[in-house]
């Protein structure tokens, strides 16, 4: 059986302090890569396989575009998103399906309630049921279907690992991340998910982040990277960590389930983080700190963003603690 790294190979990346007491510890691995793919920073075991989960979505969106889905602007960004299911998100997914002459019933992601409170209240008020449009992966699935429609591929089997579109996804993951997936499983939305290393993931995001300014880059990859930065609200949601990081820092940011985060800068620096316990609450804190320590972004600008996206530890109505960096991560700032 293929497994991810073990606890003894991990490093303490962050801790939760409540009332002066360390209540929880988040262990994991991280890596920062330069534009040429070389390792700048490494903690834990970044060469072990992980499921990158939704951090793979830009590469899945790229496969849809390579296969002919004419994604542009916010559509390309939404195909790369793990969105909160706002009314804007659902309307955009619906418009993608309309242009492909398809409907919500063609989506094979599971139905869900919106994570966005306004959209949730609207659905309850209007007696709506759970919707596939509201599921956080619906943009990716709409792009998958659009690509299948353009090619005359079977729509019912578009999530099967041997489907032509899913084979193209694996080819592009290997191309951008520089390694062949060691295992293919099933993600939460039903799509295949490839196991690769954090090192490969960081290299892939470095290439993706640099693609808009690289004359040799794939034009469709450049479209996706540009769209994510031009329409950051689509990638997660207004006020959410990924969206704020892209709005304020101009850095590609994508969270994945089970404590994964990938970042990519316009200069080609990539970051990948995996919290071994699967809890992602410290991923942005750790990932941005590692990026700042590498010199790819100003420390003071990162501090401002972290002040917006890292929640304090509260007791009643008072702040009684904080999410803090582990010693190995904080030491990076002192090097």
C-alpha atoms as a PDB file:
ATOM      1  CA  UNK A   1       0.000   0.000   0.000  1.00  0.00           C
ATOM      2  CA  UNK A   2       1.224   3.520  -0.843  1.00  0.00           C
ATOM      3  CA  UNK A   3       1.288   5.856   2.168  1.00  0.00           C
ATOM      4  CA  UNK A   4       2.207   9.414   2.980  1.00  0.00           C
ATOM      5  CA  UNK A   5       5.062  10.299   5.352  1.00  0.00           C
ATOM      6  CA  UNK A   6       5.072   9.081   8.953  1.00  0.00           C
ATOM      7  CA  UNK A   7       4.755  11.184  12.101  1.00  0.00           C
ATOM      8  CA  UNK A   8       8.414  10.619  12.974  1.00  0.00           C
ATOM      9  CA  UNK A   9       9.374  12.177   9.635  1.00  0.00           C
ATOM     10  CA  UNK A  10       7.265  15.294  10.215  1.00  0.00           C
ATOM     11  CA  UNK A  11       8.148  18.617  11.817  1.00  0.00           C
ATOM     12  CA  UNK A  12       6.070  20.731  14.187  1.00  0.00           C
ATOM     13  CA  UNK A  13       4.838  23.485  11.886  1.00  0.00           C
ATOM     14  CA  UNK A  14       2.408  25.298  14.184  1.00  0.00           C
ATOM     15  CA  UNK A  15       0.886  25.203  17.649  1.00  0.00           C
ATOM     16  CA  UNK A  16      -2.334  26.437  19.204  1.00  0.00           C
ATOM     17  CA  UNK A  17      -1.792  28.461  22.367  1.00  0.00           C
ATOM     18  CA  UNK A  18      -4.765  29.029  24.678  1.00  0.00           C
ATOM     19  CA  UNK A  19      -4.364  31.006  27.899  1.00  0.00           C
ATOM     20  CA  UNK A  20      -0.602  30.432  27.881  1.00  0.00           C
ATOM     21  CA  UNK A  21      -1.030  26.668  27.424  1.00  0.00           C
ATOM     22  CA  UNK A  22      -0.054  24.797  24.241  1.00  0.00           C
ATOM     23  CA  UNK A  23      -3.298  22.978  23.479  1.00  0.00           C
ATOM     24  CA  UNK A  24      -2.599  21.455  20.050  1.00  0.00           C
ATOM     25  CA  UNK A  25       0.366  20.828  17.779  1.00  0.00           C
ATOM     26  CA  UNK A  26       0.240  20.616  13.971  1.00  0.00           C
ATOM     27  CA  UNK A  27       3.007  18.516  12.457  1.00  0.00           C
ATOM     28  CA  UNK A  28       3.716  18.184   8.773  1.00  0.00           C
ATOM     29  CA  UNK A  29       6.104  18.890   5.924  1.00  0.00           C
ATOM     30  CA  UNK A  30       6.776  21.813   3.620  1.00  0.00           C
ATOM     31  CA  UNK A  31       9.009  22.778   0.745  1.00  0.00           C
ATOM     32  CA  UNK A  32       9.880  25.985  -1.106  1.00  0.00           C
ATOM     33  CA  UNK A  33      11.295  25.747  -4.630  1.00  0.00           C
ATOM     34  CA  UNK A  34      13.049  28.316  -6.794  1.00  0.00           C
ATOM     35  CA  UNK A  35      12.086  29.147 -10.367  1.00  0.00           C
ATOM     36  CA  UNK A  36      14.479  26.490 -11.661  1.00  0.00           C
ATOM     37  CA  UNK A  37      12.861  23.856  -9.448  1.00  0.00           C
ATOM     38  CA  UNK A  38      15.719  23.648  -6.957  1.00  0.00           C
ATOM     39  CA  UNK A  39      14.902  23.351  -3.259  1.00  0.00           C
ATOM     40  CA  UNK A  40      15.170  26.572  -1.248  1.00  0.00           C
ATOM     41  CA  UNK A  41      13.654  25.323   2.015  1.00  0.00           C
ATOM     42  CA  UNK A  42      12.687  21.850   3.174  1.00  0.00           C
ATOM     43  CA  UNK A  43      11.098  20.753   6.447  1.00  0.00           C
ATOM     44  CA  UNK A  44       9.903  17.247   7.222  1.00  0.00           C
ATOM     45  CA  UNK A  45       9.705  14.857   4.288  1.00  0.00           C
ATOM     46  CA  UNK A  46       8.541  16.710   1.156  1.00  0.00           C
ATOM     47  CA  UNK A  47       9.521  13.865  -1.178  1.00  0.00           C
ATOM     48  CA  UNK A  48       6.958  11.425   0.252  1.00  0.00           C
ATOM     49  CA  UNK A  49       3.694  11.084  -1.701  1.00  0.00           C
ATOM     50  CA  UNK A  50       0.589  12.963  -0.652  1.00  0.00           C
ATOM     51  CA  UNK A  51      -2.846  13.460  -2.127  1.00  0.00           C
ATOM     52  CA  UNK A  52      -2.717  17.151  -3.176  1.00  0.00           C
ATOM     53  CA  UNK A  53      -6.505  17.150  -3.293  1.00  0.00           C
ATOM     54  CA  UNK A  54      -7.932  20.429  -4.632  1.00  0.00           C
ATOM     55  CA  UNK A  55      -4.543  22.016  -5.196  1.00  0.00           C
ATOM     56  CA  UNK A  56      -4.569  19.951  -8.413  1.00  0.00           C
ATOM     57  CA  UNK A  57      -7.556  21.865  -9.779  1.00  0.00           C
ATOM     58  CA  UNK A  58      -5.588  24.340 -11.935  1.00  0.00           C
ATOM     59  CA  UNK A  59      -3.984  21.377 -13.719  1.00  0.00           C
ATOM     60  CA  UNK A  60      -7.381  19.724 -14.106  1.00  0.00           C
ATOM     61  CA  UNK A  61      -8.726  22.992 -15.529  1.00  0.00           C
ATOM     62  CA  UNK A  62      -5.761  23.100 -17.890  1.00  0.00           C
ATOM     63  CA  UNK A  63      -6.661  19.618 -19.129  1.00  0.00           C
ATOM     64  CA  UNK A  64     -10.214  20.795 -19.835  1.00  0.00           C
ATOM     65  CA  UNK A  65      -8.863  23.740 -21.823  1.00  0.00           C
ATOM     66  CA  UNK A  66      -6.319  21.595 -23.662  1.00  0.00           C
ATOM     67  CA  UNK A  67      -9.213  19.338 -24.620  1.00  0.00           C
ATOM     68  CA  UNK A  68     -11.121  22.254 -26.107  1.00  0.00           C
ATOM     69  CA  UNK A  69     -13.258  23.785 -23.356  1.00  0.00           C
ATOM     70  CA  UNK A  70     -13.222  27.512 -24.275  1.00  0.00           C
ATOM     71  CA  UNK A  71     -12.797  28.775 -20.713  1.00  0.00           C
ATOM     72  CA  UNK A  72     -12.131  32.484 -20.369  1.00  0.00           C
ATOM     73  CA  UNK A  73     -11.785  34.919 -17.490  1.00  0.00           C
ATOM     74  CA  UNK A  74     -13.814  33.984 -14.434  1.00  0.00           C
ATOM     75  CA  UNK A  75     -14.739  30.644 -16.009  1.00  0.00           C
ATOM     76  CA  UNK A  76     -11.088  29.539 -16.081  1.00  0.00           C
ATOM     77  CA  UNK A  77     -10.689  30.664 -12.506  1.00  0.00           C
ATOM     78  CA  UNK A  78     -13.836  28.905 -11.318  1.00  0.00           C
ATOM     79  CA  UNK A  79     -12.680  25.674 -12.962  1.00  0.00           C
ATOM     80  CA  UNK A  80      -9.669  25.895 -10.602  1.00  0.00           C
ATOM     81  CA  UNK A  81     -11.731  26.766  -7.537  1.00  0.00           C
ATOM     82  CA  UNK A  82     -12.909  25.310  -4.258  1.00  0.00           C
ATOM     83  CA  UNK A  83     -15.636  27.884  -3.889  1.00  0.00           C
ATOM     84  CA  UNK A  84     -18.081  28.599  -1.069  1.00  0.00           C
ATOM     85  CA  UNK A  85     -21.189  28.278  -3.232  1.00  0.00           C
ATOM     86  CA  UNK A  86     -22.254  31.909  -3.233  1.00  0.00           C
ATOM     87  CA  UNK A  87     -25.054  32.994  -5.556  1.00  0.00           C
ATOM     88  CA  UNK A  88     -22.359  34.459  -7.841  1.00  0.00           C
ATOM     89  CA  UNK A  89     -20.506  31.161  -7.912  1.00  0.00           C
ATOM     90  CA  UNK A  90     -23.623  29.160  -8.689  1.00  0.00           C
ATOM     91  CA  UNK A  91     -24.688  31.577 -11.429  1.00  0.00           C
ATOM     92  CA  UNK A  92     -21.269  31.299 -13.062  1.00  0.00           C
ATOM     93  CA  UNK A  93     -21.353  27.491 -12.993  1.00  0.00           C
ATOM     94  CA  UNK A  94     -24.834  27.568 -14.494  1.00  0.00           C
ATOM     95  CA  UNK A  95     -23.647  29.874 -17.270  1.00  0.00           C
ATOM     96  CA  UNK A  96     -20.806  27.461 -18.103  1.00  0.00           C
ATOM     97  CA  UNK A  97     -23.252  24.588 -18.361  1.00  0.00           C
ATOM     98  CA  UNK A  98     -25.629  26.685 -20.477  1.00  0.00           C
ATOM     99  CA  UNK A  99     -22.872  27.499 -22.960  1.00  0.00           C
ATOM    100  CA  UNK A 100     -22.044  23.809 -23.210  1.00  0.00           C
ATOM    101  CA  UNK A 101     -25.784  23.072 -23.679  1.00  0.00           C
ATOM    102  CA  UNK A 102     -25.809  20.999 -20.505  1.00  0.00           C
ATOM    103  CA  UNK A 103     -27.600  21.199 -17.154  1.00  0.00           C
ATOM    104  CA  UNK A 104     -27.037  20.709 -13.439  1.00  0.00           C
ATOM    105  CA  UNK A 105     -28.218  17.102 -13.768  1.00  0.00           C
ATOM    106  CA  UNK A 106     -25.143  16.342 -15.892  1.00  0.00           C
ATOM    107  CA  UNK A 107     -22.811  17.217 -13.008  1.00  0.00           C
ATOM    108  CA  UNK A 108     -21.582  14.186 -11.065  1.00  0.00           C
ATOM    109  CA  UNK A 109     -20.208  16.047  -8.050  1.00  0.00           C
ATOM    110  CA  UNK A 110     -22.408  15.426  -4.989  1.00  0.00           C
ATOM    111  CA  UNK A 111     -25.138  17.939  -4.095  1.00  0.00           C
ATOM    112  CA  UNK A 112     -24.303  20.243  -1.195  1.00  0.00           C
ATOM    113  CA  UNK A 113     -25.526  23.186   0.811  1.00  0.00           C
ATOM    114  CA  UNK A 114     -23.625  26.431   0.144  1.00  0.00           C
ATOM    115  CA  UNK A 115     -20.920  27.364   2.602  1.00  0.00           C
ATOM    116  CA  UNK A 116     -21.828  30.980   1.863  1.00  0.00           C
ATOM    117  CA  UNK A 117     -24.371  32.134   4.458  1.00  0.00           C
ATOM    118  CA  UNK A 118     -26.324  34.417   2.122  1.00  0.00           C
ATOM    119  CA  UNK A 119     -26.754  31.667  -0.462  1.00  0.00           C
ATOM    120  CA  UNK A 120     -27.680  29.160   2.239  1.00  0.00           C
ATOM    121  CA  UNK A 121     -30.376  31.453   3.649  1.00  0.00           C
ATOM    122  CA  UNK A 122     -31.734  32.033   0.142  1.00  0.00           C
ATOM    123  CA  UNK A 123     -31.970  28.296  -0.533  1.00  0.00           C
ATOM    124  CA  UNK A 124     -33.752  27.660   2.768  1.00  0.00           C
ATOM    125  CA  UNK A 125     -36.087  30.614   2.275  1.00  0.00           C
ATOM    126  CA  UNK A 126     -37.043  29.469  -1.223  1.00  0.00           C
ATOM    127  CA  UNK A 127     -37.396  25.791  -0.226  1.00  0.00           C
ATOM    128  CA  UNK A 128     -34.473  24.674  -2.369  1.00  0.00           C
ATOM    129  CA  UNK A 129     -32.790  21.310  -1.899  1.00  0.00           C
ATOM    130  CA  UNK A 130     -29.060  20.666  -1.819  1.00  0.00           C
ATOM    131  CA  UNK A 131     -27.555  21.596  -5.163  1.00  0.00           C
ATOM    132  CA  UNK A 132     -24.674  20.263  -7.244  1.00  0.00           C
ATOM    133  CA  UNK A 133     -24.073  23.872  -8.283  1.00  0.00           C
ATOM    134  CA  UNK A 134     -23.278  24.765  -4.659  1.00  0.00           C
ATOM    135  CA  UNK A 135     -20.730  21.972  -4.253  1.00  0.00           C
ATOM    136  CA  UNK A 136     -17.245  23.498  -4.017  1.00  0.00           C
ATOM    137  CA  UNK A 137     -15.941  21.513  -7.023  1.00  0.00           C
ATOM    138  CA  UNK A 138     -18.830  22.321  -9.374  1.00  0.00           C
ATOM    139  CA  UNK A 139     -16.758  24.685 -11.535  1.00  0.00           C
ATOM    140  CA  UNK A 140     -14.195  21.961 -12.199  1.00  0.00           C
ATOM    141  CA  UNK A 141     -16.925  19.489 -13.085  1.00  0.00           C
ATOM    142  CA  UNK A 142     -18.632  21.968 -15.411  1.00  0.00           C
ATOM    143  CA  UNK A 143     -15.301  22.456 -17.202  1.00  0.00           C
ATOM    144  CA  UNK A 144     -14.821  18.684 -17.441  1.00  0.00           C
ATOM    145  CA  UNK A 145     -18.250  18.310 -19.026  1.00  0.00           C
ATOM    146  CA  UNK A 146     -17.686  21.192 -21.423  1.00  0.00           C
ATOM    147  CA  UNK A 147     -14.459  19.580 -22.636  1.00  0.00           C
ATOM    148  CA  UNK A 148     -16.254  16.271 -23.126  1.00  0.00           C
ATOM    149  CA  UNK A 149     -19.030  17.971 -25.070  1.00  0.00           C
ATOM    150  CA  UNK A 150     -16.509  19.669 -27.364  1.00  0.00           C
ATOM    151  CA  UNK A 151     -14.905  16.297 -28.155  1.00  0.00           C
ATOM    152  CA  UNK A 152     -17.985  14.125 -28.303  1.00  0.00           C
ATOM    153  CA  UNK A 153     -16.662  12.102 -25.352  1.00  0.00           C
ATOM    154  CA  UNK A 154     -19.024  10.144 -23.136  1.00  0.00           C
ATOM    155  CA  UNK A 155     -20.514  12.390 -20.473  1.00  0.00           C
ATOM    156  CA  UNK A 156     -21.589   9.641 -18.097  1.00  0.00           C
ATOM    157  CA  UNK A 157     -18.075   8.277 -17.580  1.00  0.00           C
ATOM    158  CA  UNK A 158     -16.146  11.567 -17.410  1.00  0.00           C
ATOM    159  CA  UNK A 159     -14.873  10.765 -13.899  1.00  0.00           C
ATOM    160  CA  UNK A 160     -13.524   7.326 -14.747  1.00  0.00           C
ATOM    161  CA  UNK A 161      -9.704   7.173 -14.490  1.00  0.00           C
ATOM    162  CA  UNK A 162      -9.439   5.696 -17.996  1.00  0.00           C
ATOM    163  CA  UNK A 163     -11.578   8.420 -19.590  1.00  0.00           C
ATOM    164  CA  UNK A 164      -9.592  10.396 -22.221  1.00  0.00           C
ATOM    165  CA  UNK A 165      -9.957  13.598 -20.212  1.00  0.00           C
ATOM    166  CA  UNK A 166      -8.692  12.049 -16.978  1.00  0.00           C
ATOM    167  CA  UNK A 167      -5.737  10.501 -18.791  1.00  0.00           C
ATOM    168  CA  UNK A 168      -4.886  13.995 -20.066  1.00  0.00           C
ATOM    169  CA  UNK A 169      -5.084  15.334 -16.497  1.00  0.00           C
ATOM    170  CA  UNK A 170      -2.463  12.800 -15.365  1.00  0.00           C
ATOM    171  CA  UNK A 171      -0.226  13.701 -18.313  1.00  0.00           C
ATOM    172  CA  UNK A 172      -0.326  17.396 -17.404  1.00  0.00           C
ATOM    173  CA  UNK A 173       0.291  16.747 -13.708  1.00  0.00           C
ATOM    174  CA  UNK A 174       3.385  14.784 -14.664  1.00  0.00           C
ATOM    175  CA  UNK A 175       4.499  17.527 -17.069  1.00  0.00           C
ATOM    176  CA  UNK A 176       4.112  20.405 -14.609  1.00  0.00           C
ATOM    177  CA  UNK A 177       5.139  18.658 -11.403  1.00  0.00           C
ATOM    178  CA  UNK A 178       7.985  16.713 -12.954  1.00  0.00           C
ATOM    179  CA  UNK A 179       7.037  13.312 -11.605  1.00  0.00           C
ATOM    180  CA  UNK A 180       4.740  10.443 -12.438  1.00  0.00           C
ATOM    181  CA  UNK A 181       1.891   9.937  -9.925  1.00  0.00           C
ATOM    182  CA  UNK A 182       2.557   6.904  -7.745  1.00  0.00           C
ATOM    183  CA  UNK A 183      -1.094   6.222  -7.002  1.00  0.00           C
ATOM    184  CA  UNK A 184      -4.517   7.360  -8.213  1.00  0.00           C
ATOM    185  CA  UNK A 185      -7.480   7.433  -5.849  1.00  0.00           C
ATOM    186  CA  UNK A 186     -10.894   9.101  -5.741  1.00  0.00           C
ATOM    187  CA  UNK A 187     -11.310  12.633  -4.422  1.00  0.00           C
ATOM    188  CA  UNK A 188     -14.245  13.837  -2.336  1.00  0.00           C
ATOM    189  CA  UNK A 189     -16.070  15.103  -5.421  1.00  0.00           C
ATOM    190  CA  UNK A 190     -15.713  11.776  -7.218  1.00  0.00           C
ATOM    191  CA  UNK A 191     -12.902  12.798  -9.585  1.00  0.00           C
ATOM    192  CA  UNK A 192      -9.577  10.934  -9.718  1.00  0.00           C
ATOM    193  CA  UNK A 193      -6.848  12.345  -7.466  1.00  0.00           C
ATOM    194  CA  UNK A 194      -3.168  11.618  -8.123  1.00  0.00           C
ATOM    195  CA  UNK A 195      -0.609  11.075  -5.381  1.00  0.00           C
ATOM    196  CA  UNK A 196       2.590  13.065  -5.913  1.00  0.00           C
ATOM    197  CA  UNK A 197       5.151  14.660  -3.606  1.00  0.00           C
ATOM    198  CA  UNK A 198       5.059  18.115  -2.044  1.00  0.00           C
ATOM    199  CA  UNK A 199       8.238  18.815  -3.975  1.00  0.00           C
ATOM    200  CA  UNK A 200       6.498  18.089  -7.274  1.00  0.00           C
ATOM    201  CA  UNK A 201       3.482  20.152  -6.240  1.00  0.00           C
ATOM    202  CA  UNK A 202       5.644  23.175  -5.361  1.00  0.00           C
ATOM    203  CA  UNK A 203       7.455  22.924  -8.690  1.00  0.00           C
ATOM    204  CA  UNK A 204       4.141  22.732 -10.517  1.00  0.00           C
ATOM    205  CA  UNK A 205       2.849  25.878  -8.822  1.00  0.00           C
ATOM    206  CA  UNK A 206       6.099  27.677  -9.509  1.00  0.00           C
ATOM    207  CA  UNK A 207       5.658  26.966 -13.223  1.00  0.00           C
ATOM    208  CA  UNK A 208       2.006  27.944 -13.099  1.00  0.00           C
ATOM    209  CA  UNK A 209       2.697  31.193 -11.238  1.00  0.00           C
ATOM    210  CA  UNK A 210       5.401  32.204 -13.707  1.00  0.00           C
ATOM    211  CA  UNK A 211       3.454  31.252 -16.836  1.00  0.00           C
ATOM    212  CA  UNK A 212       1.881  34.700 -17.557  1.00  0.00           C
ATOM    213  CA  UNK A 213       5.357  36.279 -17.898  1.00  0.00           C
ATOM    214  CA  UNK A 214       7.083  33.306 -19.535  1.00  0.00           C
ATOM    215  CA  UNK A 215       7.012  33.547 -23.323  1.00  0.00           C
ATOM    216  CA  UNK A 216       7.687  29.808 -23.539  1.00  0.00           C
ATOM    217  CA  UNK A 217       4.829  28.850 -21.224  1.00  0.00           C
ATOM    218  CA  UNK A 218       1.598  27.183 -22.259  1.00  0.00           C
ATOM    219  CA  UNK A 219      -0.805  30.001 -23.155  1.00  0.00           C
ATOM    220  CA  UNK A 220      -3.705  28.187 -21.501  1.00  0.00           C
ATOM    221  CA  UNK A 221      -1.745  27.839 -18.253  1.00  0.00           C
ATOM    222  CA  UNK A 222      -1.080  31.571 -18.428  1.00  0.00           C
ATOM    223  CA  UNK A 223      -4.812  32.148 -18.908  1.00  0.00           C
ATOM    224  CA  UNK A 224      -5.606  30.122 -15.792  1.00  0.00           C
ATOM    225  CA  UNK A 225      -2.992  31.839 -13.626  1.00  0.00           C
ATOM    226  CA  UNK A 226      -4.064  35.282 -14.836  1.00  0.00           C
ATOM    227  CA  UNK A 227      -7.737  34.482 -14.312  1.00  0.00           C
ATOM    228  CA  UNK A 228      -7.163  33.304 -10.740  1.00  0.00           C
ATOM    229  CA  UNK A 229      -5.491  36.634  -9.926  1.00  0.00           C
ATOM    230  CA  UNK A 230      -8.006  38.712 -11.886  1.00  0.00           C
ATOM    231  CA  UNK A 231     -11.030  36.988 -10.309  1.00  0.00           C
ATOM    232  CA  UNK A 232      -9.778  35.848  -6.892  1.00  0.00           C
ATOM    233  CA  UNK A 233     -13.299  35.803  -5.424  1.00  0.00           C
ATOM    234  CA  UNK A 234     -14.111  32.808  -7.618  1.00  0.00           C
ATOM    235  CA  UNK A 235     -11.263  30.660  -6.243  1.00  0.00           C
ATOM    236  CA  UNK A 236     -12.670  30.507  -2.715  1.00  0.00           C
ATOM    237  CA  UNK A 237     -14.880  33.412  -1.653  1.00  0.00           C
ATOM    238  CA  UNK A 238     -14.806  37.034  -0.571  1.00  0.00           C
ATOM    239  CA  UNK A 239     -12.819  37.380   2.663  1.00  0.00           C
ATOM    240  CA  UNK A 240     -11.559  33.787   2.515  1.00  0.00           C
ATOM    241  CA  UNK A 241      -7.824  33.002   2.837  1.00  0.00           C
ATOM    242  CA  UNK A 242      -7.055  32.040  -0.773  1.00  0.00           C
ATOM    243  CA  UNK A 243      -8.956  35.024  -2.099  1.00  0.00           C
ATOM    244  CA  UNK A 244      -7.327  37.511   0.295  1.00  0.00           C
ATOM    245  CA  UNK A 245      -3.816  36.200  -0.427  1.00  0.00           C
ATOM    246  CA  UNK A 246      -4.340  36.630  -4.170  1.00  0.00           C
ATOM    247  CA  UNK A 247      -5.977  40.045  -3.806  1.00  0.00           C
ATOM    248  CA  UNK A 248      -3.348  41.494  -1.484  1.00  0.00           C
ATOM    249  CA  UNK A 249      -0.145  39.729  -2.562  1.00  0.00           C
ATOM    250  CA  UNK A 250      -0.721  38.743  -6.194  1.00  0.00           C
ATOM    251  CA  UNK A 251       0.334  35.168  -5.391  1.00  0.00           C
ATOM    252  CA  UNK A 252      -1.512  32.074  -6.593  1.00  0.00           C
ATOM    253  CA  UNK A 253      -2.982  30.376  -3.531  1.00  0.00           C
ATOM    254  CA  UNK A 254      -4.946  27.151  -3.413  1.00  0.00           C
ATOM    255  CA  UNK A 255      -5.982  25.138  -0.404  1.00  0.00           C
ATOM    256  CA  UNK A 256      -6.654  21.422  -0.625  1.00  0.00           C
ATOM    257  CA  UNK A 257      -8.530  19.163   1.767  1.00  0.00           C
ATOM    258  CA  UNK A 258      -6.630  17.400   4.546  1.00  0.00           C
ATOM    259  CA  UNK A 259      -4.314  20.302   5.325  1.00  0.00           C
ATOM    260  CA  UNK A 260      -2.702  20.936   1.932  1.00  0.00           C
ATOM    261  CA  UNK A 261      -1.721  24.357   0.559  1.00  0.00           C
ATOM    262  CA  UNK A 262       0.124  25.356  -2.613  1.00  0.00           C
ATOM    263  CA  UNK A 263       1.427  28.813  -3.529  1.00  0.00           C
ATOM    264  CA  UNK A 264       3.039  30.128  -6.698  1.00  0.00           C
ATOM    265  CA  UNK A 265       4.596  33.528  -7.387  1.00  0.00           C
ATOM    266  CA  UNK A 266       5.000  35.416 -10.651  1.00  0.00           C
ATOM    267  CA  UNK A 267       8.762  34.872 -10.393  1.00  0.00           C
ATOM    268  CA  UNK A 268       8.336  31.089 -10.294  1.00  0.00           C
ATOM    269  CA  UNK A 269       8.809  30.394  -6.585  1.00  0.00           C
ATOM    270  CA  UNK A 270       6.574  27.567  -5.380  1.00  0.00           C
ATOM    271  CA  UNK A 271       5.462  26.459  -1.917  1.00  0.00           C
ATOM    272  CA  UNK A 272       3.678  23.282  -0.842  1.00  0.00           C
ATOM    273  CA  UNK A 273       2.538  22.402   2.683  1.00  0.00           C
ATOM    274  CA  UNK A 274       0.895  19.301   4.130  1.00  0.00           C
ATOM    275  CA  UNK A 275      -0.408  19.148   7.692  1.00  0.00           C
ATOM    276  CA  UNK A 276      -0.205  15.496   8.648  1.00  0.00           C
ATOM    277  CA  UNK A 277      -3.278  15.651  10.893  1.00  0.00           C
ATOM    278  CA  UNK A 278      -5.348  16.938   7.972  1.00  0.00           C
ATOM    279  CA  UNK A 279      -6.288  20.206   9.719  1.00  0.00           C
ATOM    280  CA  UNK A 280      -5.606  23.159   7.419  1.00  0.00           C
ATOM    281  CA  UNK A 281      -6.158  26.044   9.846  1.00  0.00           C
ATOM    282  CA  UNK A 282      -2.404  26.776  10.070  1.00  0.00           C
ATOM    283  CA  UNK A 283      -1.531  26.100   6.428  1.00  0.00           C
ATOM    284  CA  UNK A 284      -1.708  29.710   5.231  1.00  0.00           C
ATOM    285  CA  UNK A 285       0.259  30.952   8.245  1.00  0.00           C
ATOM    286  CA  UNK A 286       2.990  28.387   7.640  1.00  0.00           C
ATOM    287  CA  UNK A 287       3.050  28.620   3.847  1.00  0.00           C
ATOM    288  CA  UNK A 288       3.224  32.407   3.642  1.00  0.00           C
ATOM    289  CA  UNK A 289       5.872  32.531   6.367  1.00  0.00           C
ATOM    290  CA  UNK A 290       8.041  30.060   4.460  1.00  0.00           C
ATOM    291  CA  UNK A 291       7.556  32.129   1.309  1.00  0.00           C
ATOM    292  CA  UNK A 292       8.510  35.350   3.099  1.00  0.00           C
ATOM    293  CA  UNK A 293      11.563  33.682   4.630  1.00  0.00           C
ATOM    294  CA  UNK A 294      12.723  32.741   1.125  1.00  0.00           C
ATOM    295  CA  UNK A 295      12.700  36.426   0.168  1.00  0.00           C
ATOM    296  CA  UNK A 296       9.984  35.991  -2.459  1.00  0.00           C
ATOM    297  CA  UNK A 297       7.603  38.392  -0.714  1.00  0.00           C
ATOM    298  CA  UNK A 298       8.042  41.132   1.872  1.00  0.00           C
ATOM    299  CA  UNK A 299       7.621  39.996   5.489  1.00  0.00           C
ATOM    300  CA  UNK A 300       5.603  43.075   6.464  1.00  0.00           C
ATOM    301  CA  UNK A 301       3.103  42.508   3.639  1.00  0.00           C
ATOM    302  CA  UNK A 302       2.700  38.890   4.698  1.00  0.00           C
ATOM    303  CA  UNK A 303       2.096  39.992   8.294  1.00  0.00           C
ATOM    304  CA  UNK A 304      -0.725  42.280   7.135  1.00  0.00           C
ATOM    305  CA  UNK A 305      -2.403  39.477   5.225  1.00  0.00           C
ATOM    306  CA  UNK A 306      -2.031  36.985   8.051  1.00  0.00           C
ATOM    307  CA  UNK A 307      -3.744  39.489  10.317  1.00  0.00           C
ATOM    308  CA  UNK A 308      -6.781  39.194   8.044  1.00  0.00           C
ATOM    309  CA  UNK A 309      -6.943  35.439   7.531  1.00  0.00           C
ATOM    310  CA  UNK A 310      -5.634  33.799  10.728  1.00  0.00           C
ATOM    311  CA  UNK A 311      -8.370  33.667  13.355  1.00  0.00           C
ATOM    312  CA  UNK A 312      -7.468  34.361  16.984  1.00  0.00           C
ATOM    313  CA  UNK A 313      -8.132  31.811  19.727  1.00  0.00           C
ATOM    314  CA  UNK A 314     -11.099  33.042  21.717  1.00  0.00           C
ATOM    315  CA  UNK A 315     -12.717  32.349  25.042  1.00  0.00           C
ATOM    316  CA  UNK A 316     -16.185  33.831  25.249  1.00  0.00           C
ATOM    317  CA  UNK A 317     -15.893  37.290  23.708  1.00  0.00           C
ATOM    318  CA  UNK A 318     -12.199  37.674  24.541  1.00  0.00           C
ATOM    319  CA  UNK A 319      -9.036  36.740  22.667  1.00  0.00           C
ATOM    320  CA  UNK A 320      -7.188  34.271  24.896  1.00  0.00           C
ATOM    321  CA  UNK A 321      -4.560  32.835  22.591  1.00  0.00           C
ATOM    322  CA  UNK A 322      -3.166  32.489  19.114  1.00  0.00           C
ATOM    323  CA  UNK A 323      -2.120  30.142  16.375  1.00  0.00           C
ATOM    324  CA  UNK A 324       1.688  30.276  16.463  1.00  0.00           C
ATOM    325  CA  UNK A 325       4.471  29.058  14.207  1.00  0.00           C
ATOM    326  CA  UNK A 326       6.416  26.007  15.250  1.00  0.00           C
ATOM    327  CA  UNK A 327      10.033  26.667  16.147  1.00  0.00           C
ATOM    328  CA  UNK A 328      11.354  25.148  12.911  1.00  0.00           C
ATOM    329  CA  UNK A 329       9.214  27.511  10.823  1.00  0.00           C
ATOM    330  CA  UNK A 330       9.854  30.643  12.896  1.00  0.00           C
ATOM    331  CA  UNK A 331      13.582  29.900  12.686  1.00  0.00           C
ATOM    332  CA  UNK A 332      13.380  30.318   8.912  1.00  0.00           C
ATOM    333  CA  UNK A 333      12.777  34.038   9.429  1.00  0.00           C
ATOM    334  CA  UNK A 334      16.015  34.323  11.376  1.00  0.00           C
ATOM    335  CA  UNK A 335      18.265  32.787   8.729  1.00  0.00           C
END
